[in-house]
PDB file of N, CA and C in Angstrom:
ATOM      1  N   MET A   1     -37.251  82.886  26.677  1.00  0.00           N
ATOM      2  CA  MET A   1     -36.460  82.344  25.779  1.00  0.00           C
ATOM      3  C   MET A   1     -35.639  81.211  25.909  1.00  0.00           C
ATOM      4  N   ARG A   2     -35.130  80.180  24.962  1.00  0.00           N
ATOM      5  CA  ARG A   2     -34.524  78.987  25.141  1.00  0.00           C
ATOM      6  C   ARG A   2     -32.970  78.971  25.143  1.00  0.00           C
ATOM      7  N   GLY A   3     -31.870  78.272  25.455  1.00  0.00           N
ATOM      8  CA  GLY A   3     -30.823  78.375  24.865  1.00  0.00           C
ATOM      9  C   GLY A   3     -29.811  77.100  25.788  1.00  0.00           C
ATOM     10  N   ILE A   4     -28.889  77.372  25.167  1.00  0.00           N
ATOM     11  CA  ILE A   4     -27.696  76.427  25.643  1.00  0.00           C
ATOM     12  C   ILE A   4     -26.754  76.922  26.235  1.00  0.00           C
ATOM     13  N   VAL A   5     -25.957  76.278  27.478  1.00  0.00           N
ATOM     14  CA  VAL A   5     -25.012  76.840  28.140  1.00  0.00           C
ATOM     15  C   VAL A   5     -23.814  76.733  27.295  1.00  0.00           C
ATOM     16  N   ARG A   6     -22.883  77.371  26.815  1.00  0.00           N
ATOM     17  CA  ARG A   6     -21.628  77.297  26.063  1.00  0.00           C
ATOM     18  C   ARG A   6     -20.595  77.494  27.138  1.00  0.00           C
ATOM     19  N   GLY A   7     -20.530  78.116  27.983  1.00  0.00           N
ATOM     20  CA  GLY A   7     -19.272  78.745  28.917  1.00  0.00           C
ATOM     21  C   GLY A   7     -19.760  79.033  30.273  1.00  0.00           C
ATOM     22  N   VAL A   8     -19.022  78.585  31.348  1.00  0.00           N
ATOM     23  CA  VAL A   8     -19.381  78.686  32.803  1.00  0.00           C
ATOM     24  C   VAL A   8     -18.197  79.313  33.198  1.00  0.00           C
ATOM     25  N   GLU A   9     -17.933  80.383  33.584  1.00  0.00           N
ATOM     26  CA  GLU A   9     -16.626  81.364  34.237  1.00  0.00           C
ATOM     27  C   GLU A   9     -17.248  81.395  35.782  1.00  0.00           C
ATOM     28  N   ASP A  10     -16.427  82.518  36.545  1.00  0.00           N
ATOM     29  CA  ASP A  10     -16.496  82.902  37.564  1.00  0.00           C
ATOM     30  C   ASP A  10     -17.546  83.824  37.562  1.00  0.00           C
ATOM     31  N   TYR A  11     -17.020  84.769  36.617  1.00  0.00           N
ATOM     32  CA  TYR A  11     -17.548  86.197  36.476  1.00  0.00           C
ATOM     33  C   TYR A  11     -19.122  86.442  35.946  1.00  0.00           C
ATOM     34  N   GLY A  12     -19.614  84.700  35.397  1.00  0.00           N
ATOM     35  CA  GLY A  12     -21.132  84.722  34.655  1.00  0.00           C
ATOM     36  C   GLY A  12     -21.072  83.152  33.613  1.00  0.00           C
ATOM     37  N   VAL A  13     -22.028  83.117  33.107  1.00  0.00           N
ATOM     38  CA  VAL A  13     -22.524  82.103  32.051  1.00  0.00           C
ATOM     39  C   VAL A  13     -22.945  82.620  30.715  1.00  0.00           C
ATOM     40  N   PHE A  14     -22.141  81.889  29.558  1.00  0.00           N
ATOM     41  CA  PHE A  14     -22.553  82.452  28.512  1.00  0.00           C
ATOM     42  C   PHE A  14     -23.660  81.252  27.869  1.00  0.00           C
ATOM     43  N   VAL A  15     -24.733  82.098  27.712  1.00  0.00           N
ATOM     44  CA  VAL A  15     -25.758  81.179  26.863  1.00  0.00           C
ATOM     45  C   VAL A  15     -26.032  81.131  25.649  1.00  0.00           C
ATOM     46  N   GLU A  16     -25.729  80.227  24.632  1.00  0.00           N
ATOM     47  CA  GLU A  16     -25.942  80.372  23.369  1.00  0.00           C
ATOM     48  C   GLU A  16     -27.355  80.675  22.860  1.00  0.00           C
ATOM     49  N   LEU A  17     -27.984  81.606  22.175  1.00  0.00           N
ATOM     50  CA  LEU A  17     -29.004  82.054  21.961  1.00  0.00           C
ATOM     51  C   LEU A  17     -29.781  81.374  20.741  1.00  0.00           C
ATOM     52  N   LYS A  18     -28.759  81.794  19.765  1.00  0.00           N
ATOM     53  CA  LYS A  18     -28.981  81.309  18.576  1.00  0.00           C
ATOM     54  C   LYS A  18     -27.474  81.300  17.937  1.00  0.00           C
ATOM     55  N   PRO A  19     -27.411  80.842  16.788  1.00  0.00           N
ATOM     56  CA  PRO A  19     -26.086  80.768  16.169  1.00  0.00           C
ATOM     57  C   PRO A  19     -25.383  81.850  16.179  1.00  0.00           C
ATOM     58  N   ASN A  20     -24.430  82.520  16.807  1.00  0.00           N
ATOM     59  CA  ASN A  20     -23.566  83.506  16.891  1.00  0.00           C
ATOM     60  C   ASN A  20     -24.273  84.677  17.585  1.00  0.00           C
ATOM     61  N   LEU A  21     -25.166  84.261  18.643  1.00  0.00           N
ATOM     62  CA  LEU A  21     -25.904  85.279  19.430  1.00  0.00           C
ATOM     63  C   LEU A  21     -25.875  84.572  20.986  1.00  0.00           C
ATOM     64  N   SER A  22     -24.751  84.878  21.696  1.00  0.00           N
ATOM     65  CA  SER A  22     -24.849  84.694  23.003  1.00  0.00           C
ATOM     66  C   SER A  22     -24.983  85.673  23.954  1.00  0.00           C
ATOM     67  N   GLY A  23     -25.412  85.395  25.270  1.00  0.00           N
ATOM     68  CA  GLY A  23     -25.912  86.189  26.289  1.00  0.00           C
ATOM     69  C   GLY A  23     -24.829  86.025  27.499  1.00  0.00           C
ATOM     70  N   LEU A  24     -24.957  87.154  28.455  1.00  0.00           N
ATOM     71  CA  LEU A  24     -24.116  86.727  29.574  1.00  0.00           C
ATOM     72  C   LEU A  24     -25.173  86.640  30.485  1.00  0.00           C
ATOM     73  N   ALA A  25     -25.192  85.709  31.789  1.00  0.00           N
ATOM     74  CA  ALA A  25     -26.120  85.797  32.694  1.00  0.00           C
ATOM     75  C   ALA A  25     -24.987  85.896  34.255  1.00  0.00           C
ATOM     76  N   GLU A  26     -25.660  85.566  35.309  1.00  0.00           N
ATOM     77  CA  GLU A  26     -24.870  85.910  36.438  1.00  0.00           C
ATOM     78  C   GLU A  26     -24.466  84.570  36.481  1.00  0.00           C
ATOM     79  N   TYR A  27     -23.262  84.016  37.495  1.00  0.00           N
ATOM     80  CA  TYR A  27     -22.771  83.120  37.615  1.00  0.00           C
ATOM     81  C   TYR A  27     -23.998  82.025  38.583  1.00  0.00           C
ATOM     82  N   ARG A  28     -24.216  80.926  38.412  1.00  0.00           N
ATOM     83  CA  ARG A  28     -24.508  79.873  39.212  1.00  0.00           C
ATOM     84  C   ARG A  28     -24.336  78.823  39.350  1.00  0.00           C
ATOM     85  N   PRO A  29     -23.764  78.193  40.471  1.00  0.00           N
ATOM     86  CA  PRO A  29     -23.212  76.822  40.508  1.00  0.00           C
ATOM     87  C   PRO A  29     -23.645  75.618  39.944  1.00  0.00           C
ATOM     88  N   ASP A  30     -24.906  75.482  39.647  1.00  0.00           N
ATOM     89  CA  ASP A  30     -25.841  74.415  39.574  1.00  0.00           C
ATOM     90  C   ASP A  30     -25.478  74.110  37.958  1.00  0.00           C
ATOM     91  N   ILE A  31     -25.367  75.219  37.504  1.00  0.00           N
ATOM     92  CA  ILE A  31     -25.408  75.110  35.823  1.00  0.00           C
ATOM     93  C   ILE A  31     -23.630  74.464  35.195  1.00  0.00           C
ATOM     94  N   ASN A  32     -23.765  73.845  34.165  1.00  0.00           N
ATOM     95  CA  ASN A  32     -22.553  73.212  33.665  1.00  0.00           C
ATOM     96  C   ASN A  32     -22.775  73.716  32.195  1.00  0.00           C
ATOM     97  N   GLU A  33     -21.911  73.421  31.543  1.00  0.00           N
ATOM     98  CA  GLU A  33     -21.923  73.683  29.897  1.00  0.00           C
ATOM     99  C   GLU A  33     -22.659  72.471  29.157  1.00  0.00           C
ATOM    100  N   GLY A  34     -23.599  73.001  28.493  1.00  0.00           N
ATOM    101  CA  GLY A  34     -24.250  71.875  27.792  1.00  0.00           C
ATOM    102  C   GLY A  34     -25.417  71.738  28.154  1.00  0.00           C
ATOM    103  N   ASP A  35     -25.756  72.545  29.426  1.00  0.00           N
ATOM    104  CA  ASP A  35     -27.098  72.555  29.908  1.00  0.00           C
ATOM    105  C   ASP A  35     -28.202  73.220  28.937  1.00  0.00           C
ATOM    106  N   HIS A  36     -29.494  72.949  28.743  1.00  0.00           N
ATOM    107  CA  HIS A  36     -30.054  73.787  28.420  1.00  0.00           C
ATOM    108  C   HIS A  36     -31.078  74.500  29.377  1.00  0.00           C
ATOM    109  N   VAL A  37     -31.461  75.806  29.268  1.00  0.00           N
ATOM    110  CA  VAL A  37     -31.803  76.748  30.075  1.00  0.00           C
ATOM    111  C   VAL A  37     -32.900  77.973  29.303  1.00  0.00           C
ATOM    112  N   SER A  38     -33.885  77.944  30.303  1.00  0.00           N
ATOM    113  CA  SER A  38     -34.693  79.161  29.671  1.00  0.00           C
ATOM    114  C   SER A  38     -34.320  80.260  30.428  1.00  0.00           C
ATOM    115  N   VAL A  39     -34.151  81.286  29.520  1.00  0.00           N
ATOM    116  CA  VAL A  39     -33.688  82.759  29.993  1.00  0.00           C
ATOM    117  C   VAL A  39     -34.685  83.881  29.583  1.00  0.00           C
ATOM    118  N   PHE A  40     -34.514  84.902  30.691  1.00  0.00           N
ATOM    119  CA  PHE A  40     -34.898  86.390  30.445  1.00  0.00           C
ATOM    120  C   PHE A  40     -33.942  87.404  30.152  1.00  0.00           C
ATOM    121  N   ILE A  41     -34.444  87.767  29.079  1.00  0.00           N
ATOM    122  CA  ILE A  41     -33.290  89.085  28.587  1.00  0.00           C
ATOM    123  C   ILE A  41     -33.697  90.246  29.444  1.00  0.00           C
ATOM    124  N   LYS A  42     -32.514  90.680  30.434  1.00  0.00           N
ATOM    125  CA  LYS A  42     -32.367  91.695  30.938  1.00  0.00           C
ATOM    126  C   LYS A  42     -32.008  92.920  30.418  1.00  0.00           C
ATOM    127  N   ASN A  43     -31.483  93.129  29.235  1.00  0.00           N
ATOM    128  CA  ASN A  43     -30.786  94.078  28.846  1.00  0.00           C
ATOM    129  C   ASN A  43     -30.130  93.883  27.614  1.00  0.00           C
ATOM    130  N   ILE A  44     -30.215  94.434  26.503  1.00  0.00           N
ATOM    131  CA  ILE A  44     -29.374  94.673  25.304  1.00  0.00           C
ATOM    132  C   ILE A  44     -29.119  95.828  24.676  1.00  0.00           C
ATOM    133  N   THR A  45     -27.529  95.894  24.694  1.00  0.00           N
ATOM    134  CA  THR A  45     -26.708  97.149  24.503  1.00  0.00           C
ATOM    135  C   THR A  45     -26.214  96.988  22.753  1.00  0.00           C
ATOM    136  N   PRO A  46     -26.854  97.442  22.204  1.00  0.00           N
ATOM    137  CA  PRO A  46     -26.367  97.161  20.868  1.00  0.00           C
ATOM    138  C   PRO A  46     -24.925  98.117  20.579  1.00  0.00           C
ATOM    139  N   GLU A  47     -24.830  98.923  21.035  1.00  0.00           N
ATOM    140  CA  GLU A  47     -23.594  99.657  20.693  1.00  0.00           C
ATOM    141  C   GLU A  47     -22.218  99.013  21.518  1.00  0.00           C
ATOM    142  N   LYS A  48     -22.436  98.173  22.336  1.00  0.00           N
ATOM    143  CA  LYS A  48     -21.470  97.543  22.887  1.00  0.00           C
ATOM    144  C   LYS A  48     -21.355  96.208  22.714  1.00  0.00           C
ATOM    145  N   MET A  49     -22.712  95.581  22.131  1.00  0.00           N
ATOM    146  CA  MET A  49     -22.521  94.365  21.594  1.00  0.00           C
ATOM    147  C   MET A  49     -23.123  93.393  22.881  1.00  0.00           C
ATOM    148  N   LYS A  50     -23.743  93.815  23.811  1.00  0.00           N
ATOM    149  CA  LYS A  50     -23.555  92.914  24.967  1.00  0.00           C
ATOM    150  C   LYS A  50     -25.466  92.742  25.065  1.00  0.00           C
ATOM    151  N   ILE A  51     -25.603  91.231  25.714  1.00  0.00           N
ATOM    152  CA  ILE A  51     -26.746  91.118  25.860  1.00  0.00           C
ATOM    153  C   ILE A  51     -26.548  90.268  27.249  1.00  0.00           C
ATOM    154  N   LYS A  52     -27.575  91.254  28.374  1.00  0.00           N
ATOM    155  CA  LYS A  52     -27.401  90.338  29.631  1.00  0.00           C
ATOM    156  C   LYS A  52     -28.704  89.829  30.001  1.00  0.00           C
ATOM    157  N   LEU A  53     -28.670  88.516  30.475  1.00  0.00           N
ATOM    158  CA  LEU A  53     -29.497  87.379  30.433  1.00  0.00           C
ATOM    159  C   LEU A  53     -29.994  87.124  32.169  1.00  0.00           C
ATOM    160  N   ILE A  54     -31.220  86.762  32.373  1.00  0.00           N
ATOM    161  CA  ILE A  54     -31.474  86.083  33.752  1.00  0.00           C
ATOM    162  C   ILE A  54     -31.836  84.681  33.787  1.00  0.00           C
ATOM    163  N   ILE A  55     -31.106  83.813  34.277  1.00  0.00           N
ATOM    164  CA  ILE A  55     -31.748  81.937  33.982  1.00  0.00           C
ATOM    165  C   ILE A  55     -32.813  81.855  34.899  1.00  0.00           C
ATOM    166  N   ILE A  56     -33.978  81.964  34.359  1.00  0.00           N
ATOM    167  CA  ILE A  56     -35.192  81.247  34.920  1.00  0.00           C
ATOM    168  C   ILE A  56     -34.983  79.631  35.126  1.00  0.00           C
ATOM    169  N   ASP A  57     -34.693  78.987  34.720  1.00  0.00           N
ATOM    170  CA  ASP A  57     -35.062  77.762  34.838  1.00  0.00           C
ATOM    171  C   ASP A  57     -33.911  76.810  33.792  1.00  0.00           C
ATOM    172  N   VAL A  58     -33.234  75.572  34.659  1.00  0.00           N
ATOM    173  CA  VAL A  58     -32.031  74.962  33.642  1.00  0.00           C
ATOM    174  C   VAL A  58     -32.684  73.399  33.714  1.00  0.00           C
ATOM    175  N   PHE A  59     -32.395  72.716  32.547  1.00  0.00           N
ATOM    176  CA  PHE A  59     -33.005  71.628  32.104  1.00  0.00           C
ATOM    177  C   PHE A  59     -31.881  70.397  32.132  1.00  0.00           C
ATOM    178  N   LYS A  60     -31.511  69.764  32.876  1.00  0.00           N
ATOM    179  CA  LYS A  60     -30.487  69.069  33.036  1.00  0.00           C
ATOM    180  C   LYS A  60     -30.553  67.760  31.970  1.00  0.00           C
ATOM    181  N   ASP A  61     -31.862  67.379  32.137  1.00  0.00           N
ATOM    182  CA  ASP A  61     -32.329  66.083  31.030  1.00  0.00           C
ATOM    183  C   ASP A  61     -32.722  66.668  29.815  1.00  0.00           C
ATOM    184  N   ARG A  62     -31.808  66.841  28.481  1.00  0.00           N
ATOM    185  CA  ARG A  62     -32.309  67.201  27.354  1.00  0.00           C
ATOM    186  C   ARG A  62     -33.130  66.987  26.712  1.00  0.00           C
ATOM    187  N   GLY A  63     -34.138  65.986  27.555  1.00  0.00           N
ATOM    188  CA  GLY A  63     -35.456  65.657  26.685  1.00  0.00           C
ATOM    189  C   GLY A  63     -36.564  66.438  27.319  1.00  0.00           C
ATOM    190  N   ASP A  64     -36.098  67.424  28.497  1.00  0.00           N
ATOM    191  CA  ASP A  64     -37.321  68.245  28.978  1.00  0.00           C
ATOM    192  C   ASP A  64     -37.167  69.406  28.353  1.00  0.00           C
ATOM    193  N   VAL A  65     -36.469  69.728  27.042  1.00  0.00           N
ATOM    194  CA  VAL A  65     -36.941  70.933  26.136  1.00  0.00           C
ATOM    195  C   VAL A  65     -36.323  70.699  25.172  1.00  0.00           C
ATOM    196  N   HIS A  66     -37.130  71.097  23.877  1.00  0.00           N
ATOM    197  CA  HIS A  66     -36.610  70.940  22.470  1.00  0.00           C
ATOM    198  C   HIS A  66     -36.484  72.450  22.208  1.00  0.00           C
ATOM    199  N   ILE A  67     -35.335  72.640  21.767  1.00  0.00           N
ATOM    200  CA  ILE A  67     -35.034  73.996  20.639  1.00  0.00           C
ATOM    201  C   ILE A  67     -34.778  73.914  19.323  1.00  0.00           C
ATOM    202  N   SER A  68     -35.930  74.321  18.448  1.00  0.00           N
ATOM    203  CA  SER A  68     -35.942  74.029  17.058  1.00  0.00           C
ATOM    204  C   SER A  68     -34.599  74.544  16.507  1.00  0.00           C
ATOM    205  N   GLN A  69     -34.850  73.617  15.682  1.00  0.00           N
ATOM    206  CA  GLN A  69     -33.309  74.026  14.712  1.00  0.00           C
ATOM    207  C   GLN A  69     -33.495  74.455  13.589  1.00  0.00           C
ATOM    208  N   LYS A  70     -34.963  74.652  13.184  1.00  0.00           N
ATOM    209  CA  LYS A  70     -35.102  75.223  12.190  1.00  0.00           C
ATOM    210  C   LYS A  70     -35.189  76.890  11.429  1.00  0.00           C
ATOM    211  N   ASP A  71     -34.828  77.654  12.698  1.00  0.00           N
ATOM    212  CA  ASP A  71     -34.506  78.717  12.463  1.00  0.00           C
ATOM    213  C   ASP A  71     -33.206  79.093  12.124  1.00  0.00           C
ATOM    214  N   TYR A  72     -32.376  77.856  12.123  1.00  0.00           N
ATOM    215  CA  TYR A  72     -30.896  78.250  11.678  1.00  0.00           C
ATOM    216  C   TYR A  72     -30.489  77.937  10.102  1.00  0.00           C
ATOM    217  N   PHE A  73     -31.434  77.552   9.587  1.00  0.00           N
ATOM    218  CA  PHE A  73     -31.158  77.441   8.194  1.00  0.00           C
ATOM    219  C   PHE A  73     -31.572  78.278   7.397  1.00  0.00           C
ATOM    220  N   ILE A  74     -30.815  78.450   5.967  1.00  0.00           N
ATOM    221  CA  ILE A  74     -31.329  79.249   5.167  1.00  0.00           C
ATOM    222  C   ILE A  74     -32.039  78.254   4.062  1.00  0.00           C
ATOM    223  N   THR A  75     -33.121  78.724   3.557  1.00  0.00           N
ATOM    224  CA  THR A  75     -33.869  77.473   2.588  1.00  0.00           C
ATOM    225  C   THR A  75     -33.680  77.694   1.145  1.00  0.00           C
ATOM    226  N   GLY A  76     -33.137  78.725   0.906  1.00  0.00           N
ATOM    227  CA  GLY A  76     -33.154  79.190  -0.778  1.00  0.00           C
ATOM    228  C   GLY A  76     -31.878  80.164  -0.816  1.00  0.00           C
ATOM    229  N   GLY A  77     -31.570  80.240  -2.094  1.00  0.00           N
ATOM    230  CA  GLY A  77     -30.230  81.083  -2.450  1.00  0.00           C
ATOM    231  C   GLY A  77     -29.154  80.623  -1.655  1.00  0.00           C
ATOM    232  N   ARG A  78     -28.337  81.612  -1.459  1.00  0.00           N
ATOM    233  CA  ARG A  78     -26.976  81.891  -0.863  1.00  0.00           C
ATOM    234  C   ARG A  78     -26.305  82.991  -0.283  1.00  0.00           C
ATOM    235  N   ILE A  79     -25.628  83.084   0.893  1.00  0.00           N
ATOM    236  CA  ILE A  79     -25.450  84.114   1.683  1.00  0.00           C
ATOM    237  C   ILE A  79     -24.340  84.949   1.152  1.00  0.00           C
ATOM    238  N   LYS A  80     -24.338  85.712   0.939  1.00  0.00           N
ATOM    239  CA  LYS A  80     -23.122  86.296   0.075  1.00  0.00           C
ATOM    240  C   LYS A  80     -22.219  87.478   0.931  1.00  0.00           C
ATOM    241  N   TYR A  81     -23.055  87.730   2.083  1.00  0.00           N
ATOM    242  CA  TYR A  81     -22.485  88.946   2.985  1.00  0.00           C
ATOM    243  C   TYR A  81     -23.113  88.466   4.504  1.00  0.00           C
ATOM    244  N   TRP A  82     -22.664  88.740   5.634  1.00  0.00           N
ATOM    245  CA  TRP A  82     -23.222  88.725   6.822  1.00  0.00           C
ATOM    246  C   TRP A  82     -22.426  89.718   7.887  1.00  0.00           C
ATOM    247  N   ARG A  83     -23.530  90.380   8.365  1.00  0.00           N
ATOM    248  CA  ARG A  83     -22.926  91.619   9.385  1.00  0.00           C
ATOM    249  C   ARG A  83     -23.491  91.053  10.790  1.00  0.00           C
ATOM    250  N   TYR A  84     -22.196  90.722  11.690  1.00  0.00           N
ATOM    251  CA  TYR A  84     -23.160  90.382  13.096  1.00  0.00           C
ATOM    252  C   TYR A  84     -22.874  91.762  13.837  1.00  0.00           C
ATOM    253  N   SER A  85     -22.489  92.700  13.619  1.00  0.00           N
ATOM    254  CA  SER A  85     -22.424  93.651  14.774  1.00  0.00           C
ATOM    255  C   SER A  85     -23.363  94.619  13.911  1.00  0.00           C
ATOM    256  N   PRO A  86     -24.194  95.701  14.970  1.00  0.00           N
ATOM    257  CA  PRO A  86     -25.566  96.261  14.385  1.00  0.00           C
ATOM    258  C   PRO A  86     -24.498  97.531  13.988  1.00  0.00           C
ATOM    259  N   GLU A  87     -25.583  98.280  13.232  1.00  0.00           N
ATOM    260  CA  GLU A  87     -24.794  99.865  12.565  1.00  0.00           C
ATOM    261  C   GLU A  87     -24.387 100.664  13.800  1.00  0.00           C
ATOM    262  N   SER A  88     -25.323 100.638  14.919  1.00  0.00           N
ATOM    263  CA  SER A  88     -24.695 101.634  15.969  1.00  0.00           C
ATOM    264  C   SER A  88     -23.715 101.096  16.809  1.00  0.00           C
ATOM    265  N   CYS A  89     -23.122 100.105  16.741  1.00  0.00           N
ATOM    266  CA  CYS A  89     -21.998  99.654  17.434  1.00  0.00           C
ATOM    267  C   CYS A  89     -20.889 100.448  17.255  1.00  0.00           C
ATOM    268  N   GLU A  90     -20.139 100.778  18.333  1.00  0.00           N
ATOM    269  CA  GLU A  90     -19.039 101.737  18.508  1.00  0.00           C
ATOM    270  C   GLU A  90     -17.737 100.690  18.221  1.00  0.00           C
ATOM    271  N   ARG A  91     -17.585  99.427  18.454  1.00  0.00           N
ATOM    272  CA  ARG A  91     -16.679  98.717  18.311  1.00  0.00           C
ATOM    273  C   ARG A  91     -16.726  98.406  16.848  1.00  0.00           C
ATOM    274  N   LYS A  92     -15.510  97.715  16.711  1.00  0.00           N
ATOM    275  CA  LYS A  92     -15.120  97.256  15.167  1.00  0.00           C
ATOM    276  C   LYS A  92     -16.431  96.617  14.646  1.00  0.00           C
ATOM    277  N   ARG A  93     -16.825  96.883  13.408  1.00  0.00           N
ATOM    278  CA  ARG A  93     -17.656  95.834  12.704  1.00  0.00           C
ATOM    279  C   ARG A  93     -17.104  94.598  12.821  1.00  0.00           C
ATOM    280  N   ILE A  94     -17.978  93.511  12.840  1.00  0.00           N
ATOM    281  CA  ILE A  94     -17.800  92.174  12.457  1.00  0.00           C
ATOM    282  C   ILE A  94     -18.248  91.401  11.656  1.00  0.00           C
ATOM    283  N   GLU A  95     -18.044  91.475  10.297  1.00  0.00           N
ATOM    284  CA  GLU A  95     -18.789  91.003   9.322  1.00  0.00           C
ATOM    285  C   GLU A  95     -17.685  89.861   8.694  1.00  0.00           C
ATOM    286  N   THR A  96     -18.707  89.132   7.611  1.00  0.00           N
ATOM    287  CA  THR A  96     -17.829  87.841   6.999  1.00  0.00           C
ATOM    288  C   THR A  96     -18.399  88.014   5.630  1.00  0.00           C
ATOM    289  N   GLU A  97     -17.616  88.096   4.333  1.00  0.00           N
ATOM    290  CA  GLU A  97     -18.153  87.966   3.126  1.00  0.00           C
ATOM    291  C   GLU A  97     -17.789  86.925   2.691  1.00  0.00           C
ATOM    292  N   PHE A  98     -18.751  85.804   1.895  1.00  0.00           N
ATOM    293  CA  PHE A  98     -18.821  84.487   1.391  1.00  0.00           C
ATOM    294  C   PHE A  98     -18.569  84.804   0.153  1.00  0.00           C
ATOM    295  N   LYS A  99     -17.428  84.119  -0.438  1.00  0.00           N
ATOM    296  CA  LYS A  99     -17.223  84.121  -1.880  1.00  0.00           C
ATOM    297  C   LYS A  99     -17.433  82.518  -2.351  1.00  0.00           C
TER     298      LYS A  99
END
């Protein structure tokens, strides 16, 4: 899977996989915000809303990788409601109602 590095902290690297869907990988000093990376999903814990990732490769030159934007758009109708957290989530539900 491919993604874009959205944040680098001492404790890990946040990688956006899709809009509003990010995971955390272990810190690597050679990675900067904005880098494109390929990742392996190590673990998904829906009830805690956590995705653990392993970074496989880093693409410093953005021309090396193409991330399709076509999955990000709705082509028909209008979204009235969106739930970000899964039903099994023990935390507060995160949702948006569009009016």
